[in-house]
N, C-alpha and C. Protein backbone atom coordinates (compact mmCIF):
# COMPACT_ATOMS: atom_id res chain seq x y z
N MET A 1 0.85 -1.17 0.00
CA MET A 1 0.00 0.00 0.00
C MET A 1 0.89 1.23 0.00
N SER A 2 0.61 2.18 -0.86
CA SER A 2 1.40 3.40 -0.92
C SER A 2 1.01 4.33 0.23
N GLU A 3 1.90 5.32 0.46
CA GLU A 3 1.61 6.26 1.55
C GLU A 3 0.33 7.03 1.29
N SER A 4 0.06 7.38 0.03
CA SER A 4 -1.16 8.14 -0.25
C SER A 4 -2.39 7.28 -0.03
N GLU A 5 -2.28 5.96 -0.30
CA GLU A 5 -3.43 5.09 -0.04
C GLU A 5 -3.69 4.98 1.45
N SER A 6 -2.63 4.93 2.25
CA SER A 6 -2.86 4.81 3.69
C SER A 6 -3.50 6.07 4.25
N LEU A 7 -3.26 7.23 3.62
CA LEU A 7 -3.86 8.47 4.11
C LEU A 7 -5.36 8.49 3.89
N SER A 8 -5.83 7.88 2.81
CA SER A 8 -7.25 7.93 2.53
C SER A 8 -8.03 6.84 3.25
N LYS A 9 -7.32 5.92 3.88
CA LYS A 9 -7.98 4.83 4.59
C LYS A 9 -8.79 5.39 5.76
N PRO A 10 -10.06 5.04 5.85
CA PRO A 10 -10.86 5.59 6.95
C PRO A 10 -10.38 5.04 8.29
N THR A 11 -10.16 5.94 9.21
CA THR A 11 -9.78 5.56 10.57
C THR A 11 -10.57 6.42 11.53
N ARG A 12 -10.64 5.99 12.77
CA ARG A 12 -11.37 6.72 13.78
C ARG A 12 -10.59 7.96 14.21
N PRO A 13 -11.27 9.09 14.39
CA PRO A 13 -10.58 10.31 14.82
C PRO A 13 -9.96 10.13 16.20
N ILE A 14 -8.83 10.79 16.40
CA ILE A 14 -8.18 10.77 17.70
C ILE A 14 -8.89 11.74 18.63
N ARG A 15 -8.92 12.99 18.23
CA ARG A 15 -9.64 14.01 18.98
C ARG A 15 -10.42 14.82 17.98
N ARG A 16 -11.64 15.05 18.25
CA ARG A 16 -12.46 15.87 17.36
C ARG A 16 -12.53 17.26 17.95
N PRO A 17 -11.93 18.25 17.27
CA PRO A 17 -11.97 19.60 17.82
C PRO A 17 -13.39 20.14 17.85
N THR A 18 -13.65 20.92 18.86
CA THR A 18 -14.96 21.55 18.98
C THR A 18 -14.76 23.06 19.02
N GLY A 19 -15.83 23.80 18.83
CA GLY A 19 -15.74 25.25 18.87
C GLY A 19 -15.78 25.82 17.47
N SER A 20 -16.04 27.11 17.40
CA SER A 20 -16.24 27.75 16.10
C SER A 20 -14.98 27.75 15.25
N ARG A 21 -13.80 27.93 15.84
CA ARG A 21 -12.56 27.92 15.06
C ARG A 21 -12.31 26.55 14.43
N ALA A 22 -12.58 25.51 15.21
CA ALA A 22 -12.41 24.15 14.68
C ALA A 22 -13.41 23.89 13.56
N ARG A 23 -14.63 24.39 13.71
CA ARG A 23 -15.63 24.20 12.65
C ARG A 23 -15.22 24.93 11.38
N VAL A 24 -14.67 26.14 11.53
CA VAL A 24 -14.18 26.88 10.36
C VAL A 24 -13.08 26.09 9.67
N ALA A 25 -12.13 25.57 10.45
CA ALA A 25 -11.01 24.80 9.88
C ALA A 25 -11.53 23.57 9.14
N GLU A 26 -12.50 22.86 9.70
CA GLU A 26 -13.04 21.66 9.05
C GLU A 26 -13.81 22.02 7.78
N THR A 27 -14.53 23.12 7.81
CA THR A 27 -15.25 23.57 6.61
C THR A 27 -14.27 23.91 5.50
N VAL A 28 -13.21 24.64 5.86
CA VAL A 28 -12.19 24.99 4.87
C VAL A 28 -11.52 23.72 4.35
N ARG A 29 -11.22 22.76 5.22
CA ARG A 29 -10.61 21.50 4.80
C ARG A 29 -11.49 20.83 3.74
N GLU A 30 -12.79 20.76 3.99
CA GLU A 30 -13.70 20.13 3.03
C GLU A 30 -13.70 20.88 1.70
N LEU A 31 -13.65 22.22 1.74
CA LEU A 31 -13.66 23.01 0.52
C LEU A 31 -12.40 22.85 -0.32
N ILE A 32 -11.23 22.77 0.35
CA ILE A 32 -9.97 22.82 -0.40
C ILE A 32 -9.32 21.46 -0.63
N THR A 33 -9.80 20.41 0.00
CA THR A 33 -9.20 19.09 -0.22
C THR A 33 -9.19 18.70 -1.69
N PRO A 34 -10.29 18.86 -2.43
CA PRO A 34 -10.24 18.48 -3.84
C PRO A 34 -9.21 19.29 -4.64
N ILE A 35 -9.05 20.55 -4.31
CA ILE A 35 -8.07 21.39 -5.01
C ILE A 35 -6.66 20.92 -4.69
N SER A 36 -6.40 20.64 -3.43
CA SER A 36 -5.09 20.15 -3.01
C SER A 36 -4.75 18.86 -3.74
N GLU A 37 -5.70 17.94 -3.80
CA GLU A 37 -5.47 16.66 -4.48
C GLU A 37 -5.24 16.87 -5.97
N GLU A 38 -6.03 17.76 -6.58
CA GLU A 38 -5.87 18.04 -8.01
C GLU A 38 -4.48 18.59 -8.32
N LEU A 39 -3.94 19.38 -7.42
CA LEU A 39 -2.61 19.96 -7.61
C LEU A 39 -1.49 18.99 -7.22
N GLY A 40 -1.85 17.84 -6.64
CA GLY A 40 -0.86 16.84 -6.27
C GLY A 40 -0.28 17.03 -4.88
N TYR A 41 -0.98 17.75 -4.03
CA TYR A 41 -0.51 17.99 -2.67
C TYR A 41 -1.33 17.19 -1.68
N LEU A 42 -0.68 16.76 -0.63
CA LEU A 42 -1.36 16.17 0.51
C LEU A 42 -1.74 17.33 1.43
N LEU A 43 -3.01 17.46 1.74
CA LEU A 43 -3.45 18.51 2.67
C LEU A 43 -3.19 17.99 4.07
N TRP A 44 -2.10 18.46 4.67
CA TRP A 44 -1.67 17.96 5.98
C TRP A 44 -2.55 18.49 7.09
N ASP A 45 -2.82 19.80 7.08
CA ASP A 45 -3.60 20.37 8.16
C ASP A 45 -4.22 21.69 7.74
N VAL A 46 -5.29 22.06 8.41
CA VAL A 46 -5.91 23.37 8.29
C VAL A 46 -6.20 23.83 9.71
N GLU A 47 -5.71 25.00 10.05
CA GLU A 47 -5.94 25.58 11.37
C GLU A 47 -6.49 26.99 11.20
N TYR A 48 -7.36 27.37 12.10
CA TYR A 48 -7.85 28.73 12.16
C TYR A 48 -7.58 29.20 13.58
N VAL A 49 -6.56 30.06 13.74
CA VAL A 49 -6.07 30.41 15.07
C VAL A 49 -5.90 31.92 15.21
N LYS A 50 -5.91 32.36 16.45
CA LYS A 50 -5.64 33.76 16.76
C LYS A 50 -4.19 33.87 17.20
N GLU A 51 -3.46 34.74 16.55
CA GLU A 51 -2.06 35.00 16.93
C GLU A 51 -1.91 36.50 17.07
N GLY A 52 -1.73 36.93 18.31
CA GLY A 52 -1.70 38.36 18.58
C GLY A 52 -3.07 38.94 18.26
N ALA A 53 -3.08 40.00 17.47
CA ALA A 53 -4.35 40.63 17.09
C ALA A 53 -4.93 40.02 15.81
N ASP A 54 -4.18 39.12 15.17
CA ASP A 54 -4.58 38.58 13.87
C ASP A 54 -5.23 37.21 13.95
N MET A 55 -6.17 36.98 13.06
CA MET A 55 -6.73 35.64 12.84
C MET A 55 -5.98 35.06 11.64
N ILE A 56 -5.48 33.85 11.81
CA ILE A 56 -4.68 33.19 10.78
C ILE A 56 -5.40 31.94 10.32
N LEU A 57 -5.58 31.81 9.02
CA LEU A 57 -6.05 30.56 8.42
C LEU A 57 -4.80 29.91 7.84
N ARG A 58 -4.33 28.87 8.52
CA ARG A 58 -3.06 28.22 8.16
C ARG A 58 -3.36 26.90 7.47
N VAL A 59 -2.92 26.80 6.22
CA VAL A 59 -3.08 25.60 5.42
C VAL A 59 -1.70 24.98 5.24
N THR A 60 -1.58 23.71 5.60
CA THR A 60 -0.29 23.03 5.51
C THR A 60 -0.40 21.92 4.48
N ILE A 61 0.52 21.94 3.51
CA ILE A 61 0.52 20.96 2.43
C ILE A 61 1.85 20.22 2.39
N ASP A 62 1.85 19.06 1.74
CA ASP A 62 3.08 18.28 1.65
C ASP A 62 3.06 17.43 0.39
N THR A 63 4.22 16.97 -0.01
CA THR A 63 4.40 15.95 -1.04
C THR A 63 5.57 15.09 -0.60
N GLU A 64 5.75 13.96 -1.25
CA GLU A 64 6.88 13.10 -0.92
C GLU A 64 8.21 13.80 -1.19
N GLU A 65 8.22 14.72 -2.15
CA GLU A 65 9.45 15.44 -2.50
C GLU A 65 9.66 16.68 -1.64
N GLY A 66 8.69 17.03 -0.83
CA GLY A 66 8.75 18.25 -0.03
C GLY A 66 8.02 19.39 -0.73
N ILE A 67 7.97 20.51 -0.07
CA ILE A 67 7.22 21.68 -0.55
C ILE A 67 8.18 22.85 -0.75
N THR A 68 7.98 23.55 -1.87
CA THR A 68 8.76 24.74 -2.16
C THR A 68 7.88 25.98 -1.98
N ILE A 69 8.49 27.13 -2.02
CA ILE A 69 7.73 28.37 -1.94
C ILE A 69 6.79 28.49 -3.15
N GLU A 70 7.23 27.97 -4.29
CA GLU A 70 6.37 28.00 -5.48
C GLU A 70 5.12 27.15 -5.28
N ASP A 71 5.27 26.00 -4.58
CA ASP A 71 4.12 25.16 -4.27
C ASP A 71 3.13 25.93 -3.38
N CYS A 72 3.66 26.63 -2.39
CA CYS A 72 2.80 27.42 -1.49
C CYS A 72 2.06 28.51 -2.26
N GLU A 73 2.77 29.18 -3.15
CA GLU A 73 2.14 30.22 -3.97
C GLU A 73 1.06 29.63 -4.87
N ARG A 74 1.35 28.48 -5.47
CA ARG A 74 0.40 27.82 -6.37
C ARG A 74 -0.88 27.44 -5.61
N MET A 75 -0.71 26.88 -4.43
CA MET A 75 -1.87 26.48 -3.62
C MET A 75 -2.66 27.72 -3.18
N THR A 76 -1.95 28.76 -2.78
CA THR A 76 -2.62 30.00 -2.37
C THR A 76 -3.48 30.55 -3.50
N ARG A 77 -2.89 30.64 -4.71
CA ARG A 77 -3.64 31.16 -5.86
C ARG A 77 -4.85 30.29 -6.19
N ALA A 78 -4.73 28.98 -5.97
CA ALA A 78 -5.83 28.07 -6.30
C ALA A 78 -6.97 28.14 -5.28
N ILE A 79 -6.65 28.29 -4.01
CA ILE A 79 -7.71 28.24 -2.99
C ILE A 79 -8.30 29.60 -2.66
N ASP A 80 -7.56 30.66 -2.92
CA ASP A 80 -8.03 32.00 -2.56
C ASP A 80 -9.40 32.32 -3.17
N PRO A 81 -9.64 32.09 -4.47
CA PRO A 81 -10.97 32.41 -5.01
C PRO A 81 -12.07 31.51 -4.45
N ILE A 82 -11.73 30.27 -4.13
CA ILE A 82 -12.71 29.34 -3.54
C ILE A 82 -13.14 29.85 -2.17
N LEU A 83 -12.17 30.28 -1.38
CA LEU A 83 -12.47 30.80 -0.05
C LEU A 83 -13.24 32.11 -0.13
N ASP A 84 -12.91 32.95 -1.10
CA ASP A 84 -13.65 34.20 -1.29
C ASP A 84 -15.10 33.92 -1.65
N ASP A 85 -15.33 32.98 -2.55
CA ASP A 85 -16.70 32.66 -2.99
C ASP A 85 -17.53 32.00 -1.87
N ALA A 86 -16.95 31.03 -1.18
CA ALA A 86 -17.68 30.29 -0.15
C ALA A 86 -17.81 31.09 1.14
N ASP A 87 -16.84 31.95 1.41
CA ASP A 87 -16.82 32.81 2.61
C ASP A 87 -17.05 32.03 3.91
N PRO A 88 -16.24 30.96 4.17
CA PRO A 88 -16.45 30.15 5.36
C PRO A 88 -15.85 30.75 6.65
N VAL A 89 -15.08 31.83 6.51
CA VAL A 89 -14.39 32.42 7.66
C VAL A 89 -15.13 33.69 8.06
N PRO A 90 -15.62 33.75 9.30
CA PRO A 90 -16.47 34.87 9.71
C PRO A 90 -15.73 36.19 9.93
N ASP A 91 -14.42 36.14 10.10
CA ASP A 91 -13.65 37.33 10.43
C ASP A 91 -12.65 37.63 9.32
N ALA A 92 -12.05 38.81 9.41
CA ALA A 92 -10.91 39.11 8.55
C ALA A 92 -9.76 38.19 8.99
N TYR A 93 -9.00 37.67 8.03
CA TYR A 93 -7.94 36.72 8.38
C TYR A 93 -6.78 36.84 7.40
N LEU A 94 -5.65 36.31 7.82
CA LEU A 94 -4.49 36.19 6.96
C LEU A 94 -4.39 34.73 6.54
N LEU A 95 -4.18 34.49 5.25
CA LEU A 95 -4.04 33.14 4.75
C LEU A 95 -2.56 32.79 4.67
N GLU A 96 -2.18 31.69 5.31
CA GLU A 96 -0.81 31.18 5.24
C GLU A 96 -0.87 29.78 4.64
N VAL A 97 -0.01 29.52 3.66
CA VAL A 97 0.14 28.17 3.12
C VAL A 97 1.60 27.81 3.32
N SER A 98 1.83 26.65 3.94
CA SER A 98 3.21 26.27 4.26
C SER A 98 3.38 24.75 4.25
N SER A 99 4.61 24.34 4.48
CA SER A 99 4.97 22.93 4.63
C SER A 99 4.90 22.56 6.10
N PRO A 100 4.62 21.29 6.42
CA PRO A 100 4.61 20.90 7.83
C PRO A 100 6.02 20.83 8.44
N GLY A 101 7.06 20.83 7.61
CA GLY A 101 8.42 20.79 8.11
C GLY A 101 8.86 19.39 8.51
N ILE A 102 10.09 19.28 8.95
CA ILE A 102 10.64 17.98 9.34
C ILE A 102 9.99 17.49 10.62
N GLU A 103 9.89 18.37 11.61
CA GLU A 103 9.23 18.02 12.86
C GLU A 103 7.80 18.53 12.77
N ARG A 104 6.87 17.60 12.63
CA ARG A 104 5.48 17.98 12.37
C ARG A 104 4.56 17.44 13.45
N ASP A 105 3.52 18.22 13.73
CA ASP A 105 2.52 17.78 14.69
C ASP A 105 1.65 16.70 14.05
N LEU A 106 1.32 15.70 14.84
CA LEU A 106 0.44 14.62 14.41
C LEU A 106 -0.90 14.84 15.12
N THR A 107 -1.90 15.24 14.37
CA THR A 107 -3.18 15.60 14.99
C THR A 107 -4.36 14.80 14.45
N ARG A 108 -4.19 14.16 13.31
CA ARG A 108 -5.29 13.44 12.67
C ARG A 108 -4.89 11.97 12.52
N PRO A 109 -5.85 11.06 12.49
CA PRO A 109 -5.53 9.64 12.37
C PRO A 109 -4.64 9.32 11.17
N GLU A 110 -4.88 9.98 10.04
CA GLU A 110 -4.07 9.70 8.86
C GLU A 110 -2.61 10.11 9.04
N HIS A 111 -2.35 11.06 9.92
CA HIS A 111 -0.96 11.45 10.20
C HIS A 111 -0.19 10.28 10.81
N PHE A 112 -0.86 9.53 11.67
CA PHE A 112 -0.20 8.41 12.35
C PHE A 112 0.09 7.28 11.37
N ASP A 113 -0.80 7.07 10.41
CA ASP A 113 -0.55 6.08 9.36
C ASP A 113 0.61 6.53 8.48
N TYR A 114 0.59 7.78 8.07
CA TYR A 114 1.59 8.35 7.17
C TYR A 114 2.98 8.31 7.81
N CYS A 115 3.06 8.56 9.11
CA CYS A 115 4.36 8.66 9.79
C CYS A 115 4.79 7.38 10.51
N ALA A 116 4.06 6.29 10.28
CA ALA A 116 4.48 5.02 10.89
C ALA A 116 5.91 4.72 10.48
N GLY A 117 6.72 4.34 11.46
CA GLY A 117 8.13 4.06 11.22
C GLY A 117 9.03 5.23 11.56
N ALA A 118 8.46 6.40 11.77
CA ALA A 118 9.24 7.59 12.11
C ALA A 118 9.42 7.68 13.63
N GLU A 119 10.44 8.40 14.04
CA GLU A 119 10.64 8.66 15.46
C GLU A 119 9.70 9.79 15.87
N VAL A 120 8.98 9.57 16.97
CA VAL A 120 8.02 10.55 17.44
C VAL A 120 8.20 10.79 18.94
N GLU A 121 7.66 11.91 19.37
CA GLU A 121 7.63 12.24 20.79
C GLU A 121 6.20 12.48 21.19
N LEU A 122 5.79 11.85 22.26
CA LEU A 122 4.47 12.06 22.84
C LEU A 122 4.64 12.82 24.14
N ARG A 123 3.83 13.84 24.32
CA ARG A 123 3.76 14.54 25.60
C ARG A 123 2.41 14.24 26.19
N LEU A 124 2.43 13.80 27.43
CA LEU A 124 1.21 13.37 28.10
C LEU A 124 0.72 14.43 29.06
N PHE A 125 -0.59 14.39 29.34
CA PHE A 125 -1.15 15.30 30.32
C PHE A 125 -0.68 14.96 31.73
N ALA A 126 -0.55 13.68 32.01
CA ALA A 126 -0.13 13.21 33.34
C ALA A 126 0.95 12.14 33.15
N PRO A 127 1.85 12.02 34.12
CA PRO A 127 2.94 11.04 33.98
C PRO A 127 2.43 9.60 33.90
N VAL A 128 3.13 8.81 33.08
CA VAL A 128 2.93 7.36 33.02
C VAL A 128 4.29 6.76 33.36
N ASP A 129 4.32 5.91 34.37
CA ASP A 129 5.58 5.34 34.85
C ASP A 129 6.61 6.43 35.13
N GLY A 130 6.16 7.55 35.68
CA GLY A 130 7.05 8.63 36.10
C GLY A 130 7.46 9.61 35.03
N SER A 131 6.97 9.47 33.80
CA SER A 131 7.38 10.37 32.73
C SER A 131 6.18 10.91 31.97
N LYS A 132 6.24 12.21 31.63
CA LYS A 132 5.20 12.83 30.81
C LYS A 132 5.63 12.91 29.34
N THR A 133 6.88 12.55 29.05
CA THR A 133 7.39 12.60 27.68
C THR A 133 7.93 11.23 27.30
N TRP A 134 7.47 10.72 26.15
CA TRP A 134 7.90 9.43 25.65
C TRP A 134 8.34 9.59 24.20
N ARG A 135 9.46 8.94 23.88
CA ARG A 135 10.01 9.04 22.53
C ARG A 135 10.30 7.64 22.02
N GLY A 136 9.89 7.37 20.78
CA GLY A 136 10.15 6.06 20.20
C GLY A 136 9.72 6.02 18.74
N ILE A 137 9.73 4.83 18.18
CA ILE A 137 9.34 4.63 16.79
C ILE A 137 7.83 4.40 16.74
N LEU A 138 7.15 5.20 15.95
CA LEU A 138 5.70 5.10 15.82
C LEU A 138 5.34 3.85 15.02
N LYS A 139 4.54 3.00 15.62
CA LYS A 139 4.02 1.81 14.94
C LYS A 139 2.69 2.12 14.29
N GLY A 140 2.01 3.16 14.76
CA GLY A 140 0.72 3.57 14.21
C GLY A 140 -0.34 3.59 15.29
N LEU A 141 -1.59 3.49 14.86
CA LEU A 141 -2.72 3.43 15.78
C LEU A 141 -3.23 2.00 15.80
N ASP A 142 -3.62 1.54 16.98
CA ASP A 142 -4.23 0.21 17.05
C ASP A 142 -5.72 0.33 16.72
N GLU A 143 -6.43 -0.79 16.78
CA GLU A 143 -7.85 -0.80 16.39
C GLU A 143 -8.72 0.07 17.28
N GLU A 144 -8.27 0.41 18.48
CA GLU A 144 -9.03 1.29 19.37
C GLU A 144 -8.60 2.75 19.24
N GLY A 145 -7.70 3.05 18.29
CA GLY A 145 -7.25 4.42 18.10
C GLY A 145 -6.17 4.85 19.07
N ARG A 146 -5.56 3.89 19.78
CA ARG A 146 -4.46 4.21 20.70
C ARG A 146 -3.14 4.27 19.94
N MET A 147 -2.23 5.10 20.42
CA MET A 147 -0.93 5.27 19.78
C MET A 147 0.02 4.19 20.27
N VAL A 148 0.68 3.54 19.32
CA VAL A 148 1.61 2.46 19.64
C VAL A 148 3.01 2.92 19.28
N LEU A 149 3.90 2.92 20.27
CA LEU A 149 5.31 3.27 20.07
C LEU A 149 6.18 2.09 20.43
N GLU A 150 7.27 1.93 19.70
CA GLU A 150 8.30 0.98 20.09
C GLU A 150 9.40 1.77 20.77
N ILE A 151 9.62 1.47 22.05
CA ILE A 151 10.61 2.19 22.85
C ILE A 151 11.59 1.15 23.38
N ALA A 152 12.85 1.26 22.96
CA ALA A 152 13.89 0.33 23.37
C ALA A 152 13.47 -1.13 23.14
N GLY A 153 12.86 -1.37 21.98
CA GLY A 153 12.47 -2.72 21.60
C GLY A 153 11.17 -3.23 22.20
N VAL A 154 10.50 -2.40 22.99
CA VAL A 154 9.25 -2.81 23.64
C VAL A 154 8.12 -1.91 23.14
N GLU A 155 6.99 -2.53 22.77
CA GLU A 155 5.84 -1.74 22.34
C GLU A 155 5.08 -1.21 23.54
N ARG A 156 4.80 0.09 23.50
CA ARG A 156 4.01 0.76 24.54
C ARG A 156 2.78 1.35 23.86
N VAL A 157 1.66 1.29 24.54
CA VAL A 157 0.40 1.79 24.00
C VAL A 157 -0.06 2.97 24.85
N PHE A 158 -0.47 4.06 24.18
CA PHE A 158 -0.90 5.26 24.87
C PHE A 158 -2.30 5.64 24.40
N GLU A 159 -3.18 5.87 25.35
CA GLU A 159 -4.54 6.31 25.04
C GLU A 159 -4.48 7.71 24.44
N ALA A 160 -5.25 7.94 23.40
CA ALA A 160 -5.26 9.25 22.74
C ALA A 160 -5.65 10.36 23.72
N ALA A 161 -6.60 10.09 24.61
CA ALA A 161 -7.04 11.11 25.56
C ALA A 161 -5.94 11.51 26.54
N ALA A 162 -4.91 10.68 26.70
CA ALA A 162 -3.82 10.97 27.62
C ALA A 162 -2.73 11.81 26.97
N VAL A 163 -2.76 11.96 25.65
CA VAL A 163 -1.69 12.63 24.91
C VAL A 163 -2.06 14.09 24.63
N SER A 164 -1.21 14.99 25.13
CA SER A 164 -1.46 16.41 24.88
C SER A 164 -0.85 16.85 23.55
N LYS A 165 0.24 16.20 23.13
CA LYS A 165 0.89 16.56 21.86
C LYS A 165 1.66 15.37 21.34
N ALA A 166 1.57 15.17 20.03
CA ALA A 166 2.35 14.14 19.35
C ALA A 166 3.04 14.81 18.16
N LYS A 167 4.33 14.55 17.98
CA LYS A 167 5.04 15.14 16.85
C LYS A 167 6.20 14.25 16.45
N THR A 168 6.57 14.38 15.17
CA THR A 168 7.77 13.68 14.72
C THR A 168 8.97 14.45 15.24
N VAL A 169 10.07 13.75 15.41
CA VAL A 169 11.29 14.41 15.88
C VAL A 169 12.43 14.05 14.93
N PHE A 170 13.38 14.95 14.84
CA PHE A 170 14.54 14.76 13.97
C PHE A 170 15.75 15.22 14.74
N ASP A 171 16.75 14.35 14.85
CA ASP A 171 18.01 14.74 15.52
C ASP A 171 18.94 15.34 14.48
N PHE A 172 19.23 16.62 14.66
CA PHE A 172 20.08 17.33 13.70
C PHE A 172 21.53 17.00 13.91
């Protein structure tokens, strides 16, 4: 199975965001996913966040070869008229299109499938066996949607509700 096939595989959500900002982000995701796919980009994430006095609509795209500034410009030009026509964002906002980078947040079930085999770090809300931070090789999600890591040759399972942040890590 290719990486793109594993991304489209239906899996259970880890955390479903609630609130108006999350609804805006999901609406935008639904609007721009076909455009992203048509252009050959994986739509990694869509966030609608407040930073300082500004509202930011952040669209993150990726490809196996990586993302260039030209890719970001191309995606921006393609989605801007769609967003203007549909008007899914209630406030004035700045549109950012970027790459997820080497160290990327894992927030959706498909991220865990896509990054299986990569080194990841989990930060927990409360300590497990005396530690709130765990680092290992991501095996993926099990059938209950729990995160499975291989740490020092041993598989450890973490409940999604216990994880405050999951991200890939890269040792420079």
